[in-house]
PDB file of N, CA and C in Angstrom:
ATOM      1  N   MET A   1      23.028 -83.882  75.940  1.00  0.00           N
ATOM      2  CA  MET A   1      23.844 -83.545  74.793  1.00  0.00           C
ATOM      3  C   MET A   1      25.079 -84.435  74.821  1.00  0.00           C
ATOM      4  N   SER A   2      25.404 -85.042  73.694  1.00  0.00           N
ATOM      5  CA  SER A   2      26.551 -85.943  73.623  1.00  0.00           C
ATOM      6  C   SER A   2      27.843 -85.149  73.476  1.00  0.00           C
ATOM      7  N   PHE A   3      28.977 -85.845  73.652  1.00  0.00           N
ATOM      8  CA  PHE A   3      30.280 -85.207  73.551  1.00  0.00           C
ATOM      9  C   PHE A   3      30.495 -84.635  72.156  1.00  0.00           C
ATOM     10  N   SER A   4      30.117 -85.397  71.105  1.00  0.00           N
ATOM     11  CA  SER A   4      30.313 -84.903  69.738  1.00  0.00           C
ATOM     12  C   SER A   4      29.438 -83.688  69.465  1.00  0.00           C
ATOM     13  N   ALA A   5      28.236 -83.655  70.046  1.00  0.00           N
ATOM     14  CA  ALA A   5      27.376 -82.484  69.880  1.00  0.00           C
ATOM     15  C   ALA A   5      27.990 -81.276  70.577  1.00  0.00           C
ATOM     16  N   LEU A   6      28.602 -81.490  71.723  1.00  0.00           N
ATOM     17  CA  LEU A   6      29.274 -80.391  72.421  1.00  0.00           C
ATOM     18  C   LEU A   6      30.449 -79.873  71.611  1.00  0.00           C
ATOM     19  N   ARG A   7      31.189 -80.778  70.985  1.00  0.00           N
ATOM     20  CA  ARG A   7      32.328 -80.360  70.167  1.00  0.00           C
ATOM     21  C   ARG A   7      31.848 -79.524  68.991  1.00  0.00           C
ATOM     22  N   ARG A   8      30.742 -79.951  68.342  1.00  0.00           N
ATOM     23  CA  ARG A   8      30.219 -79.177  67.217  1.00  0.00           C
ATOM     24  C   ARG A   8      29.703 -77.832  67.682  1.00  0.00           C
ATOM     25  N   ALA A   9      29.073 -77.803  68.843  1.00  0.00           N
ATOM     26  CA  ALA A   9      28.523 -76.551  69.356  1.00  0.00           C
ATOM     27  C   ALA A   9      29.629 -75.579  69.731  1.00  0.00           C
ATOM     28  N   SER A  10      30.768 -76.092  70.171  1.00  0.00           N
ATOM     29  CA  SER A  10      31.851 -75.197  70.570  1.00  0.00           C
ATOM     30  C   SER A  10      32.704 -74.779  69.389  1.00  0.00           C
ATOM     31  N   GLY A  11      32.459 -75.349  68.224  1.00  0.00           N
ATOM     32  CA  GLY A  11      33.188 -74.948  67.035  1.00  0.00           C
ATOM     33  C   GLY A  11      34.476 -75.721  66.821  1.00  0.00           C
ATOM     34  N   SER A  12      34.754 -76.770  67.584  1.00  0.00           N
ATOM     35  CA  SER A  12      35.976 -77.558  67.404  1.00  0.00           C
ATOM     36  C   SER A  12      35.870 -78.357  66.126  1.00  0.00           C
ATOM     37  N   GLN A  13      36.922 -78.423  65.420  1.00  0.00           N
ATOM     38  CA  GLN A  13      36.974 -79.216  64.208  1.00  0.00           C
ATOM     39  C   GLN A  13      38.140 -80.182  64.323  1.00  0.00           C
ATOM     40  N   GLY A  14      38.096 -81.240  63.559  1.00  0.00           N
ATOM     41  CA  GLY A  14      39.196 -82.186  63.528  1.00  0.00           C
ATOM     42  C   GLY A  14      38.999 -83.315  64.519  1.00  0.00           C
ATOM     43  N   PRO A  15      39.902 -84.290  64.431  1.00  0.00           N
ATOM     44  CA  PRO A  15      39.780 -85.456  65.307  1.00  0.00           C
ATOM     45  C   PRO A  15      40.086 -85.090  66.759  1.00  0.00           C
ATOM     46  N   ALA A  16      39.503 -85.853  67.637  1.00  0.00           N
ATOM     47  CA  ALA A  16      39.735 -85.627  69.065  1.00  0.00           C
ATOM     48  C   ALA A  16      41.164 -86.031  69.413  1.00  0.00           C
ATOM     49  N   GLN A  17      41.798 -85.250  70.250  1.00  0.00           N
ATOM     50  CA  GLN A  17      43.152 -85.551  70.692  1.00  0.00           C
ATOM     51  C   GLN A  17      43.094 -86.609  71.791  1.00  0.00           C
ATOM     52  N   PRO A  18      43.933 -87.626  71.696  1.00  0.00           N
ATOM     53  CA  PRO A  18      43.912 -88.648  72.744  1.00  0.00           C
ATOM     54  C   PRO A  18      44.435 -88.067  74.058  1.00  0.00           C
ATOM     55  N   ASN A  19      43.826 -88.494  75.141  1.00  0.00           N
ATOM     56  CA  ASN A  19      44.292 -88.061  76.452  1.00  0.00           C
ATOM     57  C   ASN A  19      45.560 -88.822  76.804  1.00  0.00           C
ATOM     58  N   PRO A  20      46.479 -88.182  77.516  1.00  0.00           N
ATOM     59  CA  PRO A  20      47.678 -88.915  77.923  1.00  0.00           C
ATOM     60  C   PRO A  20      47.292 -90.016  78.904  1.00  0.00           C
ATOM     61  N   PRO A  21      48.086 -91.069  78.969  1.00  0.00           N
ATOM     62  CA  PRO A  21      47.757 -92.132  79.916  1.00  0.00           C
ATOM     63  C   PRO A  21      47.708 -91.578  81.333  1.00  0.00           C
ATOM     64  N   PRO A  22      46.833 -92.101  82.181  1.00  0.00           N
ATOM     65  CA  PRO A  22      46.686 -91.558  83.527  1.00  0.00           C
ATOM     66  C   PRO A  22      47.975 -91.591  84.329  1.00  0.00           C
ATOM     67  N   SER A  23      48.855 -92.555  84.058  1.00  0.00           N
ATOM     68  CA  SER A  23      50.085 -92.659  84.829  1.00  0.00           C
ATOM     69  C   SER A  23      51.098 -91.582  84.461  1.00  0.00           C
ATOM     70  N   ALA A  24      50.917 -90.901  83.324  1.00  0.00           N
ATOM     71  CA  ALA A  24      51.875 -89.891  82.904  1.00  0.00           C
ATOM     72  C   ALA A  24      51.899 -88.698  83.852  1.00  0.00           C
ATOM     73  N   HIS A  25      50.778 -88.342  84.435  1.00  0.00           N
ATOM     74  CA  HIS A  25      50.720 -87.188  85.323  1.00  0.00           C
ATOM     75  C   HIS A  25      50.320 -87.561  86.743  1.00  0.00           C
ATOM     76  N   ALA A  26      50.159 -88.831  87.002  1.00  0.00           N
ATOM     77  CA  ALA A  26      49.735 -89.264  88.337  1.00  0.00           C
ATOM     78  C   ALA A  26      50.901 -89.149  89.313  1.00  0.00           C
ATOM     79  N   PRO A  27      50.618 -88.763  90.538  1.00  0.00           N
ATOM     80  CA  PRO A  27      51.700 -88.685  91.523  1.00  0.00           C
ATOM     81  C   PRO A  27      52.210 -90.071  91.907  1.00  0.00           C
ATOM     82  N   VAL A  28      53.413 -90.093  92.440  1.00  0.00           N
ATOM     83  CA  VAL A  28      54.022 -91.333  92.915  1.00  0.00           C
ATOM     84  C   VAL A  28      53.536 -91.576  94.340  1.00  0.00           C
ATOM     85  N   PHE A  29      53.159 -92.808  94.634  1.00  0.00           N
ATOM     86  CA  PHE A  29      52.678 -93.179  95.965  1.00  0.00           C
ATOM     87  C   PHE A  29      53.517 -94.319  96.521  1.00  0.00           C
ATOM     88  N   PHE A  30      53.507 -94.450  97.845  1.00  0.00           N
ATOM     89  CA  PHE A  30      54.026 -95.650  98.485  1.00  0.00           C
ATOM     90  C   PHE A  30      52.920 -96.697  98.427  1.00  0.00           C
ATOM     91  N   THR A  31      53.291 -97.950  98.181  1.00  0.00           N
ATOM     92  CA  THR A  31      52.297 -99.016  98.242  1.00  0.00           C
ATOM     93  C   THR A  31      51.958 -99.271  99.708  1.00  0.00           C
ATOM     94  N   ARG A  32      50.911-100.014  99.935  1.00  0.00           N
ATOM     95  CA  ARG A  32      50.522-100.344 101.316  1.00  0.00           C
ATOM     96  C   ARG A  32      51.652-101.098 102.022  1.00  0.00           C
ATOM     97  N   ARG A  33      52.273-102.011 101.324  1.00  0.00           N
ATOM     98  CA  ARG A  33      53.375-102.793 101.910  1.00  0.00           C
ATOM     99  C   ARG A  33      54.551-101.884 102.264  1.00  0.00           C
ATOM    100  N   GLU A  34      54.920-100.990 101.350  1.00  0.00           N
ATOM    101  CA  GLU A  34      56.029-100.066 101.610  1.00  0.00           C
ATOM    102  C   GLU A  34      55.715 -99.164 102.796  1.00  0.00           C
ATOM    103  N   LEU A  35      54.501 -98.654 102.838  1.00  0.00           N
ATOM    104  CA  LEU A  35      54.110 -97.772 103.936  1.00  0.00           C
ATOM    105  C   LEU A  35      54.117 -98.523 105.269  1.00  0.00           C
ATOM    106  N   ASN A  36      53.691 -99.774 105.266  1.00  0.00           N
ATOM    107  CA  ASN A  36      53.746-100.581 106.491  1.00  0.00           C
ATOM    108  C   ASN A  36      55.181-100.780 106.966  1.00  0.00           C
ATOM    109  N   GLN A  37      56.101-101.000 106.036  1.00  0.00           N
ATOM    110  CA  GLN A  37      57.509-101.170 106.397  1.00  0.00           C
ATOM    111  C   GLN A  37      58.075 -99.885 107.003  1.00  0.00           C
ATOM    112  N   ILE A  38      57.730 -98.752 106.405  1.00  0.00           N
ATOM    113  CA  ILE A  38      58.202 -97.466 106.920  1.00  0.00           C
ATOM    114  C   ILE A  38      57.594 -97.191 108.292  1.00  0.00           C
ATOM    115  N   LEU A  39      56.298 -97.419 108.429  1.00  0.00           N
ATOM    116  CA  LEU A  39      55.627 -97.150 109.704  1.00  0.00           C
ATOM    117  C   LEU A  39      56.101 -98.088 110.812  1.00  0.00           C
ATOM    118  N   ASN A  40      56.558 -99.270 110.463  1.00  0.00           N
ATOM    119  CA  ASN A  40      57.122-100.180 111.452  1.00  0.00           C
ATOM    120  C   ASN A  40      58.387 -99.568 112.074  1.00  0.00           C
ATOM    121  N   VAL A  41      59.282 -99.065 111.231  1.00  0.00           N
ATOM    122  CA  VAL A  41      60.495 -98.405 111.730  1.00  0.00           C
ATOM    123  C   VAL A  41      60.115 -97.146 112.504  1.00  0.00           C
ATOM    124  N   TYR A  42      59.180 -96.378 111.965  1.00  0.00           N
ATOM    125  CA  TYR A  42      58.734 -95.144 112.623  1.00  0.00           C
ATOM    126  C   TYR A  42      58.178 -95.441 114.019  1.00  0.00           C
ATOM    127  N   GLY A  43      57.375 -96.478 114.142  1.00  0.00           N
ATOM    128  CA  GLY A  43      56.795 -96.838 115.434  1.00  0.00           C
ATOM    129  C   GLY A  43      57.849 -97.182 116.472  1.00  0.00           C
ATOM    130  N   HIS A  44      58.889 -97.900 116.059  1.00  0.00           N
ATOM    131  CA  HIS A  44      59.973 -98.240 116.986  1.00  0.00           C
ATOM    132  C   HIS A  44      60.715 -96.984 117.445  1.00  0.00           C
ATOM    133  N   LYS A  45      60.940 -96.060 116.522  1.00  0.00           N
ATOM    134  CA  LYS A  45      61.659 -94.827 116.864  1.00  0.00           C
ATOM    135  C   LYS A  45      60.813 -93.918 117.758  1.00  0.00           C
ATOM    136  N   VAL A  46      59.517 -93.884 117.547  1.00  0.00           N
ATOM    137  CA  VAL A  46      58.628 -93.098 118.415  1.00  0.00           C
ATOM    138  C   VAL A  46      58.622 -93.705 119.815  1.00  0.00           C
ATOM    139  N   ALA A  47      58.532 -95.029 119.890  1.00  0.00           N
ATOM    140  CA  ALA A  47      58.532 -95.703 121.193  1.00  0.00           C
ATOM    141  C   ALA A  47      59.840 -95.465 121.944  1.00  0.00           C
ATOM    142  N   ALA A  48      60.935 -95.318 121.208  1.00  0.00           N
ATOM    143  CA  ALA A  48      62.232 -95.050 121.827  1.00  0.00           C
ATOM    144  C   ALA A  48      62.405 -93.569 122.169  1.00  0.00           C
ATOM    145  N   GLY A  49      61.457 -92.734 121.757  1.00  0.00           N
ATOM    146  CA  GLY A  49      61.519 -91.305 122.047  1.00  0.00           C
ATOM    147  C   GLY A  49      62.403 -90.505 121.107  1.00  0.00           C
ATOM    148  N   GLU A  50      62.821 -91.113 119.992  1.00  0.00           N
ATOM    149  CA  GLU A  50      63.717 -90.430 119.061  1.00  0.00           C
ATOM    150  C   GLU A  50      62.965 -89.579 118.037  1.00  0.00           C
ATOM    151  N   TRP A  51      61.812 -90.039 117.607  1.00  0.00           N
ATOM    152  CA  TRP A  51      61.021 -89.321 116.618  1.00  0.00           C
ATOM    153  C   TRP A  51      59.666 -88.987 117.203  1.00  0.00           C
ATOM    154  N   ARG A  52      59.071 -87.905 116.679  1.00  0.00           N
ATOM    155  CA  ARG A  52      57.783 -87.502 117.222  1.00  0.00           C
ATOM    156  C   ARG A  52      56.705 -87.304 116.156  1.00  0.00           C
ATOM    157  N   ASP A  53      57.068 -86.894 114.964  1.00  0.00           N
ATOM    158  CA  ASP A  53      56.066 -86.543 113.957  1.00  0.00           C
ATOM    159  C   ASP A  53      56.547 -86.978 112.579  1.00  0.00           C
ATOM    160  N   TYR A  54      55.621 -87.032 111.631  1.00  0.00           N
ATOM    161  CA  TYR A  54      55.982 -87.359 110.255  1.00  0.00           C
ATOM    162  C   TYR A  54      55.099 -86.597 109.282  1.00  0.00           C
ATOM    163  N   ALA A  55      55.537 -86.562 108.034  1.00  0.00           N
ATOM    164  CA  ALA A  55      54.759 -85.960 106.948  1.00  0.00           C
ATOM    165  C   ALA A  55      54.967 -86.821 105.708  1.00  0.00           C
ATOM    166  N   ILE A  56      53.932 -86.928 104.898  1.00  0.00           N
ATOM    167  CA  ILE A  56      54.016 -87.676 103.645  1.00  0.00           C
ATOM    168  C   ILE A  56      53.670 -86.729 102.510  1.00  0.00           C
ATOM    169  N   ASP A  57      54.521 -86.703 101.499  1.00  0.00           N
ATOM    170  CA  ASP A  57      54.293 -85.872 100.316  1.00  0.00           C
ATOM    171  C   ASP A  57      54.319 -86.761  99.084  1.00  0.00           C
ATOM    172  N   PHE A  58      53.372 -86.535  98.176  1.00  0.00           N
ATOM    173  CA  PHE A  58      53.307 -87.277  96.927  1.00  0.00           C
ATOM    174  C   PHE A  58      53.447 -86.288  95.781  1.00  0.00           C
ATOM    175  N   GLY A  59      54.471 -86.469  94.959  1.00  0.00           N
ATOM    176  CA  GLY A  59      54.696 -85.591  93.821  1.00  0.00           C
ATOM    177  C   GLY A  59      54.688 -86.382  92.529  1.00  0.00           C
ATOM    178  N   ARG A  60      54.915 -85.695  91.427  1.00  0.00           N
ATOM    179  CA  ARG A  60      54.930 -86.366  90.124  1.00  0.00           C
ATOM    180  C   ARG A  60      56.148 -87.260  89.957  1.00  0.00           C
ATOM    181  N   GLU A  61      57.269 -86.881  90.585  1.00  0.00           N
ATOM    182  CA  GLU A  61      58.495 -87.640  90.403  1.00  0.00           C
ATOM    183  C   GLU A  61      58.846 -88.536  91.576  1.00  0.00           C
ATOM    184  N   LYS A  62      58.396 -88.173  92.783  1.00  0.00           N
ATOM    185  CA  LYS A  62      58.774 -88.974  93.942  1.00  0.00           C
ATOM    186  C   LYS A  62      57.763 -88.841  95.062  1.00  0.00           C
ATOM    187  N   ALA A  63      57.784 -89.837  95.938  1.00  0.00           N
ATOM    188  CA  ALA A  63      56.998 -89.815  97.175  1.00  0.00           C
ATOM    189  C   ALA A  63      57.996 -89.692  98.317  1.00  0.00           C
ATOM    190  N   THR A  64      57.647 -88.891  99.327  1.00  0.00           N
ATOM    191  CA  THR A  64      58.566 -88.634 100.433  1.00  0.00           C
ATOM    192  C   THR A  64      57.862 -88.836 101.764  1.00  0.00           C
ATOM    193  N   PHE A  65      58.513 -89.572 102.648  1.00  0.00           N
ATOM    194  CA  PHE A  65      58.073 -89.745 104.033  1.00  0.00           C
ATOM    195  C   PHE A  65      59.141 -89.061 104.881  1.00  0.00           C
ATOM    196  N   SER A  66      58.782 -87.950 105.516  1.00  0.00           N
ATOM    197  CA  SER A  66      59.727 -87.177 106.323  1.00  0.00           C
ATOM    198  C   SER A  66      59.455 -87.420 107.793  1.00  0.00           C
ATOM    199  N   VAL A  67      60.529 -87.564 108.583  1.00  0.00           N
ATOM    200  CA  VAL A  67      60.377 -87.771 110.026  1.00  0.00           C
ATOM    201  C   VAL A  67      60.999 -86.602 110.780  1.00  0.00           C
ATOM    202  N   PHE A  68      60.346 -86.232 111.880  1.00  0.00           N
ATOM    203  CA  PHE A  68      60.744 -85.069 112.663  1.00  0.00           C
ATOM    204  C   PHE A  68      60.943 -85.453 114.123  1.00  0.00           C
ATOM    205  N   ARG A  69      61.880 -84.766 114.772  1.00  0.00           N
ATOM    206  CA  ARG A  69      62.015 -84.900 116.217  1.00  0.00           C
ATOM    207  C   ARG A  69      61.017 -83.976 116.893  1.00  0.00           C
ATOM    208  N   HIS A  70      60.868 -82.769 116.356  1.00  0.00           N
ATOM    209  CA  HIS A  70      59.876 -81.803 116.830  1.00  0.00           C
ATOM    210  C   HIS A  70      59.096 -81.312 115.622  1.00  0.00           C
ATOM    211  N   THR A  71      57.843 -80.999 115.814  1.00  0.00           N
ATOM    212  CA  THR A  71      56.966 -80.622 114.711  1.00  0.00           C
ATOM    213  C   THR A  71      57.464 -79.397 113.960  1.00  0.00           C
ATOM    214  N   SER A  72      58.051 -78.441 114.655  1.00  0.00           N
ATOM    215  CA  SER A  72      58.434 -77.176 114.023  1.00  0.00           C
ATOM    216  C   SER A  72      59.814 -77.213 113.375  1.00  0.00           C
ATOM    217  N   GLU A  73      60.488 -78.339 113.400  1.00  0.00           N
ATOM    218  CA  GLU A  73      61.834 -78.433 112.849  1.00  0.00           C
ATOM    219  C   GLU A  73      61.822 -78.910 111.402  1.00  0.00           C
ATOM    220  N   VAL A  74      63.018 -78.886 110.813  1.00  0.00           N
ATOM    221  CA  VAL A  74      63.193 -79.509 109.500  1.00  0.00           C
ATOM    222  C   VAL A  74      63.237 -81.020 109.718  1.00  0.00           C
ATOM    223  N   PRO A  75      62.936 -81.814 108.713  1.00  0.00           N
ATOM    224  CA  PRO A  75      62.932 -83.265 108.922  1.00  0.00           C
ATOM    225  C   PRO A  75      64.329 -83.800 109.248  1.00  0.00           C
ATOM    226  N   LEU A  76      64.387 -84.734 110.180  1.00  0.00           N
ATOM    227  CA  LEU A  76      65.653 -85.413 110.485  1.00  0.00           C
ATOM    228  C   LEU A  76      66.073 -86.275 109.303  1.00  0.00           C
ATOM    229  N   TYR A  77      65.114 -87.016 108.769  1.00  0.00           N
ATOM    230  CA  TYR A  77      65.358 -87.910 107.639  1.00  0.00           C
ATOM    231  C   TYR A  77      64.196 -87.831 106.667  1.00  0.00           C
ATOM    232  N   ARG A  78      64.524 -88.105 105.403  1.00  0.00           N
ATOM    233  CA  ARG A  78      63.497 -88.247 104.373  1.00  0.00           C
ATOM    234  C   ARG A  78      63.689 -89.617 103.733  1.00  0.00           C
ATOM    235  N   ILE A  79      62.610 -90.360 103.669  1.00  0.00           N
ATOM    236  CA  ILE A  79      62.618 -91.642 102.974  1.00  0.00           C
ATOM    237  C   ILE A  79      61.911 -91.384 101.654  1.00  0.00           C
ATOM    238  N   GLU A  80      62.637 -91.529 100.556  1.00  0.00           N
ATOM    239  CA  GLU A  80      62.087 -91.164  99.251  1.00  0.00           C
ATOM    240  C   GLU A  80      61.959 -92.378  98.344  1.00  0.00           C
ATOM    241  N   LYS A  81      60.911 -92.338  97.533  1.00  0.00           N
ATOM    242  CA  LYS A  81      60.693 -93.326  96.483  1.00  0.00           C
ATOM    243  C   LYS A  81      60.675 -92.568  95.165  1.00  0.00           C
ATOM    244  N   ASN A  82      61.667 -92.830  94.326  1.00  0.00           N
ATOM    245  CA  ASN A  82      61.778 -92.172  93.031  1.00  0.00           C
ATOM    246  C   ASN A  82      61.858 -93.255  91.956  1.00  0.00           C
ATOM    247  N   PRO A  83      60.731 -93.586  91.311  1.00  0.00           N
ATOM    248  CA  PRO A  83      60.712 -94.680  90.334  1.00  0.00           C
ATOM    249  C   PRO A  83      61.658 -94.487  89.152  1.00  0.00           C
ATOM    250  N   LYS A  84      62.017 -93.251  88.829  1.00  0.00           N
ATOM    251  CA  LYS A  84      62.925 -93.021  87.702  1.00  0.00           C
ATOM    252  C   LYS A  84      64.314 -93.595  87.966  1.00  0.00           C
ATOM    253  N   LEU A  85      64.675 -93.734  89.241  1.00  0.00           N
ATOM    254  CA  LEU A  85      65.987 -94.278  89.591  1.00  0.00           C
ATOM    255  C   LEU A  85      65.948 -95.779  89.857  1.00  0.00           C
ATOM    256  N   ALA A  86      64.795 -96.401  89.679  1.00  0.00           N
ATOM    257  CA  ALA A  86      64.618 -97.810  90.044  1.00  0.00           C
ATOM    258  C   ALA A  86      65.584 -98.735  89.311  1.00  0.00           C
ATOM    259  N   ARG A  87      65.841 -98.507  88.056  1.00  0.00           N
ATOM    260  CA  ARG A  87      66.713 -99.404  87.292  1.00  0.00           C
ATOM    261  C   ARG A  87      68.187 -99.161  87.582  1.00  0.00           C
ATOM    262  N   LYS A  88      68.543 -97.934  87.882  1.00  0.00           N
ATOM    263  CA  LYS A  88      69.955 -97.600  88.066  1.00  0.00           C
ATOM    264  C   LYS A  88      70.401 -97.805  89.507  1.00  0.00           C
ATOM    265  N   GLN A  89      69.996 -96.894  90.383  1.00  0.00           N
ATOM    266  CA  GLN A  89      70.503 -96.882  91.756  1.00  0.00           C
ATOM    267  C   GLN A  89      69.518 -97.460  92.754  1.00  0.00           C
ATOM    268  N   GLY A  90      68.316 -97.674  92.345  1.00  0.00           N
ATOM    269  CA  GLY A  90      67.273 -98.135  93.250  1.00  0.00           C
ATOM    270  C   GLY A  90      66.305 -97.008  93.528  1.00  0.00           C
ATOM    271  N   ALA A  91      65.041 -97.347  93.649  1.00  0.00           N
ATOM    272  CA  ALA A  91      63.996 -96.334  93.801  1.00  0.00           C
ATOM    273  C   ALA A  91      63.969 -95.723  95.194  1.00  0.00           C
ATOM    274  N   PHE A  92      64.528 -96.400  96.196  1.00  0.00           N
ATOM    275  CA  PHE A  92      64.396 -95.947  97.581  1.00  0.00           C
ATOM    276  C   PHE A  92      65.694 -95.342  98.092  1.00  0.00           C
ATOM    277  N   SER A  93      65.552 -94.290  98.911  1.00  0.00           N
ATOM    278  CA  SER A  93      66.726 -93.682  99.532  1.00  0.00           C
ATOM    279  C   SER A  93      66.348 -93.075 100.872  1.00  0.00           C
ATOM    280  N   VAL A  94      67.341 -93.015 101.763  1.00  0.00           N
ATOM    281  CA  VAL A  94      67.209 -92.345 103.053  1.00  0.00           C
ATOM    282  C   VAL A  94      68.173 -91.173 103.021  1.00  0.00           C
ATOM    283  N   ILE A  95      67.629 -89.969 103.269  1.00  0.00           N
ATOM    284  CA  ILE A  95      68.399 -88.733 103.144  1.00  0.00           C
ATOM    285  C   ILE A  95      68.333 -87.974 104.461  1.00  0.00           C
ATOM    286  N   THR A  96      69.473 -87.437 104.905  1.00  0.00           N
ATOM    287  CA  THR A  96      69.524 -86.670 106.150  1.00  0.00           C
ATOM    288  C   THR A  96      69.027 -85.248 105.922  1.00  0.00           C
ATOM    289  N   ALA A  97      68.934 -84.479 107.013  1.00  0.00           N
ATOM    290  CA  ALA A  97      68.484 -83.088 106.935  1.00  0.00           C
ATOM    291  C   ALA A  97      69.442 -82.232 106.110  1.00  0.00           C
ATOM    292  N   THR A  98      70.708 -82.616 106.062  1.00  0.00           N
ATOM    293  CA  THR A  98      71.700 -81.850 105.304  1.00  0.00           C
ATOM    294  C   THR A  98      71.759 -82.258 103.840  1.00  0.00           C
ATOM    295  N   GLY A  99      71.002 -83.286 103.456  1.00  0.00           N
ATOM    296  CA  GLY A  99      70.982 -83.732 102.068  1.00  0.00           C
ATOM    297  C   GLY A  99      71.893 -84.912 101.783  1.00  0.00           C
ATOM    298  N   LEU A 100      72.581 -85.416 102.796  1.00  0.00           N
ATOM    299  CA  LEU A 100      73.454 -86.570 102.635  1.00  0.00           C
ATOM    300  C   LEU A 100      72.610 -87.828 102.446  1.00  0.00           C
ATOM    301  N   ILE A 101      72.902 -88.581 101.400  1.00  0.00           N
ATOM    302  CA  ILE A 101      72.184 -89.829 101.143  1.00  0.00           C
ATOM    303  C   ILE A 101      72.871 -90.926 101.951  1.00  0.00           C
ATOM    304  N   LEU A 102      72.167 -91.439 102.962  1.00  0.00           N
ATOM    305  CA  LEU A 102      72.729 -92.479 103.819  1.00  0.00           C
ATOM    306  C   LEU A 102      72.738 -93.832 103.131  1.00  0.00           C
ATOM    307  N   ARG A 103      71.671 -94.141 102.430  1.00  0.00           N
ATOM    308  CA  ARG A 103      71.592 -95.411 101.716  1.00  0.00           C
ATOM    309  C   ARG A 103      70.572 -95.290 100.599  1.00  0.00           C
ATOM    310  N   ARG A 104      70.872 -95.987  99.520  1.00  0.00           N
ATOM    311  CA  ARG A 104      69.969 -96.034  98.368  1.00  0.00           C
ATOM    312  C   ARG A 104      69.940 -97.470  97.874  1.00  0.00           C
ATOM    313  N   GLY A 105      68.786 -97.917  97.412  1.00  0.00           N
ATOM    314  CA  GLY A 105      68.725 -99.283  96.922  1.00  0.00           C
ATOM    315  C   GLY A 105      67.381 -99.663  96.345  1.00  0.00           C
ATOM    316  N   HIS A 106      67.304-100.917  95.931  1.00  0.00           N
ATOM    317  CA  HIS A 106      66.094-101.455  95.307  1.00  0.00           C
ATOM    318  C   HIS A 106      65.127-102.030  96.329  1.00  0.00           C
ATOM    319  N   ASP A 107      65.653-102.488  97.474  1.00  0.00           N
ATOM    320  CA  ASP A 107      64.846-103.144  98.502  1.00  0.00           C
ATOM    321  C   ASP A 107      64.645-102.184  99.674  1.00  0.00           C
ATOM    322  N   LEU A 108      63.402-101.805  99.927  1.00  0.00           N
ATOM    323  CA  LEU A 108      63.103-100.826 100.975  1.00  0.00           C
ATOM    324  C   LEU A 108      63.540-101.309 102.353  1.00  0.00           C
ATOM    325  N   VAL A 109      63.347-102.569 102.658  1.00  0.00           N
ATOM    326  CA  VAL A 109      63.726-103.093 103.977  1.00  0.00           C
ATOM    327  C   VAL A 109      65.223-102.912 104.218  1.00  0.00           C
ATOM    328  N   ARG A 110      66.031-103.196 103.219  1.00  0.00           N
ATOM    329  CA  ARG A 110      67.490-103.035 103.363  1.00  0.00           C
ATOM    330  C   ARG A 110      67.868-101.570 103.469  1.00  0.00           C
ATOM    331  N   VAL A 111      67.169-100.713 102.758  1.00  0.00           N
ATOM    332  CA  VAL A 111      67.455 -99.275 102.833  1.00  0.00           C
ATOM    333  C   VAL A 111      67.109 -98.743 104.219  1.00  0.00           C
ATOM    334  N   LEU A 112      66.012 -99.220 104.789  1.00  0.00           N
ATOM    335  CA  LEU A 112      65.576 -98.749 106.109  1.00  0.00           C
ATOM    336  C   LEU A 112      66.469 -99.243 107.240  1.00  0.00           C
ATOM    337  N   GLU A 113      67.284-100.263 106.995  1.00  0.00           N
ATOM    338  CA  GLU A 113      68.181-100.777 108.035  1.00  0.00           C
ATOM    339  C   GLU A 113      69.121 -99.703 108.560  1.00  0.00           C
ATOM    340  N   VAL A 114      69.471 -98.750 107.723  1.00  0.00           N
ATOM    341  CA  VAL A 114      70.379 -97.683 108.144  1.00  0.00           C
ATOM    342  C   VAL A 114      69.766 -96.848 109.270  1.00  0.00           C
ATOM    343  N   LEU A 115      68.451 -96.783 109.338  1.00  0.00           N
ATOM    344  CA  LEU A 115      67.778 -96.018 110.394  1.00  0.00           C
ATOM    345  C   LEU A 115      67.641 -96.813 111.689  1.00  0.00           C
ATOM    346  N   GLN A 116      67.744 -98.119 111.607  1.00  0.00           N
ATOM    347  CA  GLN A 116      67.554 -98.955 112.788  1.00  0.00           C
ATOM    348  C   GLN A 116      68.831 -99.140 113.595  1.00  0.00           C
ATOM    349  N   LYS A 117      69.965 -98.829 112.992  1.00  0.00           N
ATOM    350  CA  LYS A 117      71.225 -98.965 113.709  1.00  0.00           C
ATOM    351  C   LYS A 117      71.394 -97.804 114.674  1.00  0.00           C
ATOM    352  N   ARG A 118      71.898 -98.104 115.841  1.00  0.00           N
ATOM    353  CA  ARG A 118      72.154 -97.061 116.832  1.00  0.00           C
ATOM    354  C   ARG A 118      73.505 -96.416 116.544  1.00  0.00           C
ATOM    355  N   VAL A 119      73.552 -95.104 116.659  1.00  0.00           N
ATOM    356  CA  VAL A 119      74.809 -94.381 116.509  1.00  0.00           C
ATOM    357  C   VAL A 119      75.485 -94.368 117.873  1.00  0.00           C
ATOM    358  N   ARG A 120      76.717 -94.827 117.912  1.00  0.00           N
ATOM    359  CA  ARG A 120      77.452 -94.877 119.176  1.00  0.00           C
ATOM    360  C   ARG A 120      78.727 -94.063 119.046  1.00  0.00           C
ATOM    361  N   LEU A 121      79.019 -93.306 120.065  1.00  0.00           N
ATOM    362  CA  LEU A 121      80.251 -92.530 120.090  1.00  0.00           C
ATOM    363  C   LEU A 121      81.380 -93.402 120.615  1.00  0.00           C
ATOM    364  N   ALA A 122      82.508 -93.313 119.974  1.00  0.00           N
ATOM    365  CA  ALA A 122      83.665 -94.081 120.417  1.00  0.00           C
ATOM    366  C   ALA A 122      84.447 -93.259 121.435  1.00  0.00           C
ATOM    367  N   ALA A 123      84.770 -93.856 122.557  1.00  0.00           N
ATOM    368  CA  ALA A 123      85.549 -93.169 123.594  1.00  0.00           C
ATOM    369  C   ALA A 123      87.021 -93.219 123.223  1.00  0.00           C
ATOM    370  N   VAL A 124      87.691 -92.102 123.425  1.00  0.00           N
ATOM    371  CA  VAL A 124      89.122 -92.032 123.086  1.00  0.00           C
ATOM    372  C   VAL A 124      89.947 -92.021 124.339  1.00  0.00           C
TER     373      VAL A 124
END
């Protein structure tokens, strides 16, 4: 049975409604290159014993790579890709567990630099 025959059988009348473009409801993803850049930093931090686990979430508005020190904790950092902010502030951001945005920008490598710097306490 063809689609038009199904429409007639179901009692639908009128022209077919166009489907929205697939990108309108598709989730946001990291590209392979972006994911490789993130995993490169993640691998160095795991080797240093600072990070232990990660999670990746893909939503309609943003993609998030969360890093954890322990599996049962809240994420230490979230690396987010939000394409809606790409023209203004940059699509990429690094956010702390408290919600503080450490860096935001257009270039993921430059945004990730904030995670590669060591925090040092100043002696008084």
